[in-house]
Amino acid sequence: MRSIAALFALLFAVGACAGCGGYTTESPHPANIRTVAVPIFQSKSFRRGLEFELTQELIKMIETRTPYKVTSKEHADTIIIGRIENLTESILTEDQRANSTETQVAMTVTFEWKDLRTGKSLKIGSPQQTWYYAPAEHQTYRSSSSTVIHHMAEQIVEMMEKDW
């Protein structure tokens, strides 16, 4: 009976240790970086103001979800330079009168996160985001594009984390 209890205790200990693989209390962000410059993104889109909205949302995300402070290029350790490659709006479904019932907004961005101290690229990415809206339910292009921009900023900040 005692050996069975010892065997179960050993199996429990091994199982508990095996289940801990990959977990850490360390920050997911590089510790040697304290500041980031975020100049206004460029835009290939003909829609005005998207670059300002995306830049502002990205700054907000960096400030709230990372240990980094956003500052000017002259005082920054790193910089994120980006461009909105495209923003498209596509009708997915229509009713019998050819009115849109579901529409998709899609955005593609390219960016580079660069260490200004060394000149080394920390991350290069080309994330994409898509969101849908239904005009019949009083949803609009404006609300959908704001949601796409929010999710895009979130995705860029997630890409700033260390690789696993």
C-alpha atoms as a PDB file:
ATOM      1  CA  MET A   1       0.000   0.000   0.000  1.00  0.00           C
ATOM      2  CA  ARG A   2       2.831   2.365   0.883  1.00  0.00           C
ATOM      3  CA  SER A   3       4.628   1.688  -2.418  1.00  0.00           C
ATOM      4  CA  ILE A   4       1.451   2.488  -4.378  1.00  0.00           C
ATOM      5  CA  ALA A   5       1.132   5.838  -2.568  1.00  0.00           C
ATOM      6  CA  ALA A   6       4.809   6.589  -3.276  1.00  0.00           C
ATOM      7  CA  LEU A   7       4.322   5.655  -6.945  1.00  0.00           C
ATOM      8  CA  PHE A   8       1.324   8.002  -7.244  1.00  0.00           C
ATOM      9  CA  ALA A   9       3.273  10.811  -5.533  1.00  0.00           C
ATOM     10  CA  LEU A  10       6.159  10.302  -7.963  1.00  0.00           C
ATOM     11  CA  LEU A  11       3.835  10.246 -10.991  1.00  0.00           C
ATOM     12  CA  PHE A  12       2.097  13.404  -9.756  1.00  0.00           C
ATOM     13  CA  ALA A  13       5.434  15.209  -9.319  1.00  0.00           C
ATOM     14  CA  VAL A  14       6.637  14.184 -12.782  1.00  0.00           C
ATOM     15  CA  GLY A  15       3.320  15.201 -14.340  1.00  0.00           C
ATOM     16  CA  ALA A  16       3.342  18.556 -12.582  1.00  0.00           C
ATOM     17  CA  CYS A  17       6.875  19.316 -13.784  1.00  0.00           C
ATOM     18  CA  ALA A  18       6.123  18.199 -17.332  1.00  0.00           C
ATOM     19  CA  GLY A  19       3.078  20.469 -17.465  1.00  0.00           C
ATOM     20  CA  CYS A  20       5.174  23.545 -16.658  1.00  0.00           C
ATOM     21  CA  GLY A  21       7.284  23.478 -19.812  1.00  0.00           C
ATOM     22  CA  GLY A  22       7.191  26.741 -21.758  1.00  0.00           C
ATOM     23  CA  TYR A  23       5.844  28.958 -18.980  1.00  0.00           C
ATOM     24  CA  THR A  24       7.825  31.878 -17.662  1.00  0.00           C
ATOM     25  CA  THR A  25       7.357  34.942 -15.493  1.00  0.00           C
ATOM     26  CA  GLU A  26       9.745  36.879 -17.730  1.00  0.00           C
ATOM     27  CA  SER A  27       8.342  39.782 -19.775  1.00  0.00           C
ATOM     28  CA  PRO A  28       7.489  38.892 -23.385  1.00  0.00           C
ATOM     29  CA  HIS A  29       9.168  42.149 -24.461  1.00  0.00           C
ATOM     30  CA  PRO A  30      12.928  42.657 -24.880  1.00  0.00           C
ATOM     31  CA  ALA A  31      14.287  44.188 -21.647  1.00  0.00           C
ATOM     32  CA  ASN A  32      17.048  46.217 -23.298  1.00  0.00           C
ATOM     33  CA  ILE A  33      14.495  48.512 -24.983  1.00  0.00           C
ATOM     34  CA  ARG A  34      12.870  51.374 -23.104  1.00  0.00           C
ATOM     35  CA  THR A  35      11.587  53.776 -25.767  1.00  0.00           C
ATOM     36  CA  VAL A  36       9.998  53.627 -29.218  1.00  0.00           C
ATOM     37  CA  ALA A  37       9.460  56.345 -31.816  1.00  0.00           C
ATOM     38  CA  VAL A  38       6.335  55.994 -33.936  1.00  0.00           C
ATOM     39  CA  PRO A  39       6.298  58.437 -36.866  1.00  0.00           C
ATOM     40  CA  ILE A  40       3.042  58.770 -38.786  1.00  0.00           C
ATOM     41  CA  PHE A  41       2.527  55.760 -41.028  1.00  0.00           C
ATOM     42  CA  GLN A  42       2.564  56.363 -44.766  1.00  0.00           C
ATOM     43  CA  SER A  43      -0.480  55.340 -46.793  1.00  0.00           C
ATOM     44  CA  LYS A  44      -1.037  54.089 -50.312  1.00  0.00           C
ATOM     45  CA  SER A  45      -4.798  54.241 -49.725  1.00  0.00           C
ATOM     46  CA  PHE A  46      -6.885  57.057 -51.158  1.00  0.00           C
ATOM     47  CA  ARG A  47      -8.900  57.251 -47.940  1.00  0.00           C
ATOM     48  CA  ARG A  48      -7.761  60.270 -45.990  1.00  0.00           C
ATOM     49  CA  GLY A  49      -6.790  60.134 -42.341  1.00  0.00           C
ATOM     50  CA  LEU A  50      -6.233  56.400 -41.979  1.00  0.00           C
ATOM     51  CA  GLU A  51      -2.514  56.857 -41.396  1.00  0.00           C
ATOM     52  CA  PHE A  52      -3.173  59.256 -38.507  1.00  0.00           C
ATOM     53  CA  GLU A  53      -5.781  56.998 -36.942  1.00  0.00           C
ATOM     54  CA  LEU A  54      -3.567  53.902 -37.178  1.00  0.00           C
ATOM     55  CA  THR A  55      -0.537  55.755 -35.775  1.00  0.00           C
ATOM     56  CA  GLN A  56      -2.563  57.092 -32.821  1.00  0.00           C
ATOM     57  CA  GLU A  57      -4.037  53.653 -32.099  1.00  0.00           C
ATOM     58  CA  LEU A  58      -0.593  52.031 -32.275  1.00  0.00           C
ATOM     59  CA  ILE A  59       0.856  54.599 -29.858  1.00  0.00           C
ATOM     60  CA  LYS A  60      -2.013  53.924 -27.451  1.00  0.00           C
ATOM     61  CA  MET A  61      -1.441  50.158 -27.679  1.00  0.00           C
ATOM     62  CA  ILE A  62       2.314  50.458 -27.127  1.00  0.00           C
ATOM     63  CA  GLU A  63       1.795  52.698 -24.093  1.00  0.00           C
ATOM     64  CA  THR A  64      -0.828  50.422 -22.497  1.00  0.00           C
ATOM     65  CA  ARG A  65       0.355  46.929 -23.454  1.00  0.00           C
ATOM     66  CA  THR A  66       4.144  47.137 -23.374  1.00  0.00           C
ATOM     67  CA  PRO A  67       6.752  48.458 -20.945  1.00  0.00           C
ATOM     68  CA  TYR A  68       7.915  50.946 -23.599  1.00  0.00           C
ATOM     69  CA  LYS A  69       7.388  54.690 -23.672  1.00  0.00           C
ATOM     70  CA  VAL A  70       6.682  56.409 -26.987  1.00  0.00           C
ATOM     71  CA  THR A  71       9.002  59.353 -27.611  1.00  0.00           C
ATOM     72  CA  SER A  72      10.603  61.354 -30.414  1.00  0.00           C
ATOM     73  CA  LYS A  73      13.111  59.751 -32.763  1.00  0.00           C
ATOM     74  CA  GLU A  74      15.959  61.775 -31.220  1.00  0.00           C
ATOM     75  CA  HIS A  75      15.366  60.199 -27.782  1.00  0.00           C
ATOM     76  CA  ALA A  76      14.229  56.698 -28.815  1.00  0.00           C
ATOM     77  CA  ASP A  77      16.023  53.352 -28.615  1.00  0.00           C
ATOM     78  CA  THR A  78      13.888  51.982 -31.464  1.00  0.00           C
ATOM     79  CA  ILE A  79      11.545  53.138 -34.208  1.00  0.00           C
ATOM     80  CA  ILE A  80       8.550  51.606 -35.972  1.00  0.00           C
ATOM     81  CA  ILE A  81       8.191  52.744 -39.576  1.00  0.00           C
ATOM     82  CA  GLY A  82       5.107  51.586 -41.433  1.00  0.00           C
ATOM     83  CA  ARG A  83       2.868  51.983 -44.430  1.00  0.00           C
ATOM     84  CA  ILE A  84      -0.759  51.134 -45.094  1.00  0.00           C
ATOM     85  CA  GLU A  85      -0.474  49.136 -48.303  1.00  0.00           C
ATOM     86  CA  ASN A  86      -4.178  48.927 -48.979  1.00  0.00           C
ATOM     87  CA  LEU A  87      -7.613  49.198 -47.504  1.00  0.00           C
ATOM     88  CA  THR A  88     -10.373  47.538 -49.462  1.00  0.00           C
ATOM     89  CA  GLU A  89     -14.113  47.409 -49.059  1.00  0.00           C
ATOM     90  CA  SER A  90     -15.874  44.485 -50.724  1.00  0.00           C
ATOM     91  CA  ILE A  91     -19.546  43.612 -50.920  1.00  0.00           C
ATOM     92  CA  LEU A  92     -19.988  39.988 -49.898  1.00  0.00           C
ATOM     93  CA  THR A  93     -23.751  39.568 -50.159  1.00  0.00           C
ATOM     94  CA  GLU A  94     -26.630  41.555 -51.641  1.00  0.00           C
ATOM     95  CA  ASP A  95     -30.386  41.446 -51.325  1.00  0.00           C
ATOM     96  CA  GLN A  96     -32.833  41.178 -54.270  1.00  0.00           C
ATOM     97  CA  ARG A  97     -32.524  44.925 -54.938  1.00  0.00           C
ATOM     98  CA  ALA A  98     -28.701  44.792 -55.139  1.00  0.00           C
ATOM     99  CA  ASN A  99     -28.305  46.472 -51.748  1.00  0.00           C
ATOM    100  CA  SER A 100     -25.320  45.316 -49.738  1.00  0.00           C
ATOM    101  CA  THR A 101     -26.275  43.095 -46.812  1.00  0.00           C
ATOM    102  CA  GLU A 102     -22.744  42.177 -45.743  1.00  0.00           C
ATOM    103  CA  THR A 103     -19.549  44.041 -46.542  1.00  0.00           C
ATOM    104  CA  GLN A 104     -15.916  43.315 -45.732  1.00  0.00           C
ATOM    105  CA  VAL A 105     -13.192  45.833 -44.911  1.00  0.00           C
ATOM    106  CA  ALA A 106      -9.615  44.522 -45.236  1.00  0.00           C
ATOM    107  CA  MET A 107      -6.339  46.266 -44.440  1.00  0.00           C
ATOM    108  CA  THR A 108      -2.732  45.311 -45.154  1.00  0.00           C
ATOM    109  CA  VAL A 109       0.190  47.095 -43.511  1.00  0.00           C
ATOM    110  CA  THR A 110       3.953  46.689 -43.795  1.00  0.00           C
ATOM    111  CA  PHE A 111       6.219  47.787 -40.970  1.00  0.00           C
ATOM    112  CA  GLU A 112       9.756  47.572 -39.690  1.00  0.00           C
ATOM    113  CA  TRP A 113      10.757  47.846 -36.039  1.00  0.00           C
ATOM    114  CA  LYS A 114      14.371  48.952 -35.981  1.00  0.00           C
ATOM    115  CA  ASP A 115      16.938  49.454 -33.212  1.00  0.00           C
ATOM    116  CA  LEU A 116      18.283  52.984 -33.653  1.00  0.00           C
ATOM    117  CA  ARG A 117      21.371  52.234 -31.550  1.00  0.00           C
ATOM    118  CA  THR A 118      22.600  49.376 -33.740  1.00  0.00           C
ATOM    119  CA  GLY A 119      20.686  49.843 -37.007  1.00  0.00           C
ATOM    120  CA  LYS A 120      19.460  46.246 -36.726  1.00  0.00           C
ATOM    121  CA  SER A 121      15.916  45.274 -37.726  1.00  0.00           C
ATOM    122  CA  LEU A 122      14.095  43.801 -34.757  1.00  0.00           C
ATOM    123  CA  LYS A 123      10.959  42.811 -36.643  1.00  0.00           C
ATOM    124  CA  ILE A 124       9.632  43.158 -40.182  1.00  0.00           C
ATOM    125  CA  GLY A 125       6.007  42.332 -40.757  1.00  0.00           C
ATOM    126  CA  SER A 126       3.095  42.532 -43.140  1.00  0.00           C
ATOM    127  CA  PRO A 127      -0.006  41.913 -41.023  1.00  0.00           C
ATOM    128  CA  GLN A 128      -3.515  41.810 -42.447  1.00  0.00           C
ATOM    129  CA  GLN A 129      -6.833  42.431 -40.740  1.00  0.00           C
ATOM    130  CA  THR A 130     -10.409  41.955 -41.909  1.00  0.00           C
ATOM    131  CA  TRP A 131     -13.722  43.004 -40.412  1.00  0.00           C
ATOM    132  CA  TYR A 132     -17.306  42.664 -41.610  1.00  0.00           C
ATOM    133  CA  TYR A 133     -20.319  44.901 -41.283  1.00  0.00           C
ATOM    134  CA  ALA A 134     -23.977  44.758 -42.196  1.00  0.00           C
ATOM    135  CA  PRO A 135     -25.529  48.038 -43.398  1.00  0.00           C
ATOM    136  CA  ALA A 136     -29.022  46.623 -42.785  1.00  0.00           C
ATOM    137  CA  GLU A 137     -28.147  46.405 -39.084  1.00  0.00           C
ATOM    138  CA  HIS A 138     -27.036  50.071 -39.051  1.00  0.00           C
ATOM    139  CA  GLN A 139     -23.366  49.154 -39.058  1.00  0.00           C
ATOM    140  CA  THR A 140     -21.142  51.421 -41.122  1.00  0.00           C
ATOM    141  CA  TYR A 141     -17.889  51.492 -43.027  1.00  0.00           C
ATOM    142  CA  ARG A 142     -16.583  53.990 -40.469  1.00  0.00           C
ATOM    143  CA  SER A 143     -17.185  51.728 -37.467  1.00  0.00           C
ATOM    144  CA  SER A 144     -15.769  48.748 -39.337  1.00  0.00           C
ATOM    145  CA  SER A 145     -12.604  50.559 -40.449  1.00  0.00           C
ATOM    146  CA  SER A 146     -12.036  51.767 -36.870  1.00  0.00           C
ATOM    147  CA  THR A 147     -12.305  48.172 -35.679  1.00  0.00           C
ATOM    148  CA  VAL A 148      -9.832  47.022 -38.359  1.00  0.00           C
ATOM    149  CA  ILE A 149      -7.394  49.754 -37.302  1.00  0.00           C
ATOM    150  CA  HIS A 150      -7.736  48.777 -33.629  1.00  0.00           C
ATOM    151  CA  HIS A 151      -7.049  45.107 -34.399  1.00  0.00           C
ATOM    152  CA  MET A 152      -4.146  46.048 -36.689  1.00  0.00           C
ATOM    153  CA  ALA A 153      -2.476  48.072 -33.916  1.00  0.00           C
ATOM    154  CA  GLU A 154      -3.048  45.160 -31.542  1.00  0.00           C
ATOM    155  CA  GLN A 155      -1.453  42.727 -33.999  1.00  0.00           C
ATOM    156  CA  ILE A 156       1.612  44.949 -34.514  1.00  0.00           C
ATOM    157  CA  VAL A 157       2.128  45.220 -30.743  1.00  0.00           C
ATOM    158  CA  GLU A 158       1.817  41.436 -30.409  1.00  0.00           C
ATOM    159  CA  MET A 159       4.485  41.070 -33.103  1.00  0.00           C
ATOM    160  CA  MET A 160       6.800  43.242 -30.962  1.00  0.00           C
ATOM    161  CA  GLU A 161       6.982  40.448 -28.373  1.00  0.00           C
ATOM    162  CA  LYS A 162      10.013  38.162 -28.218  1.00  0.00           C
ATOM    163  CA  ASP A 163       9.877  35.027 -30.335  1.00  0.00           C
ATOM    164  CA  TRP A 164       9.114  31.885 -28.334  1.00  0.00           C
END
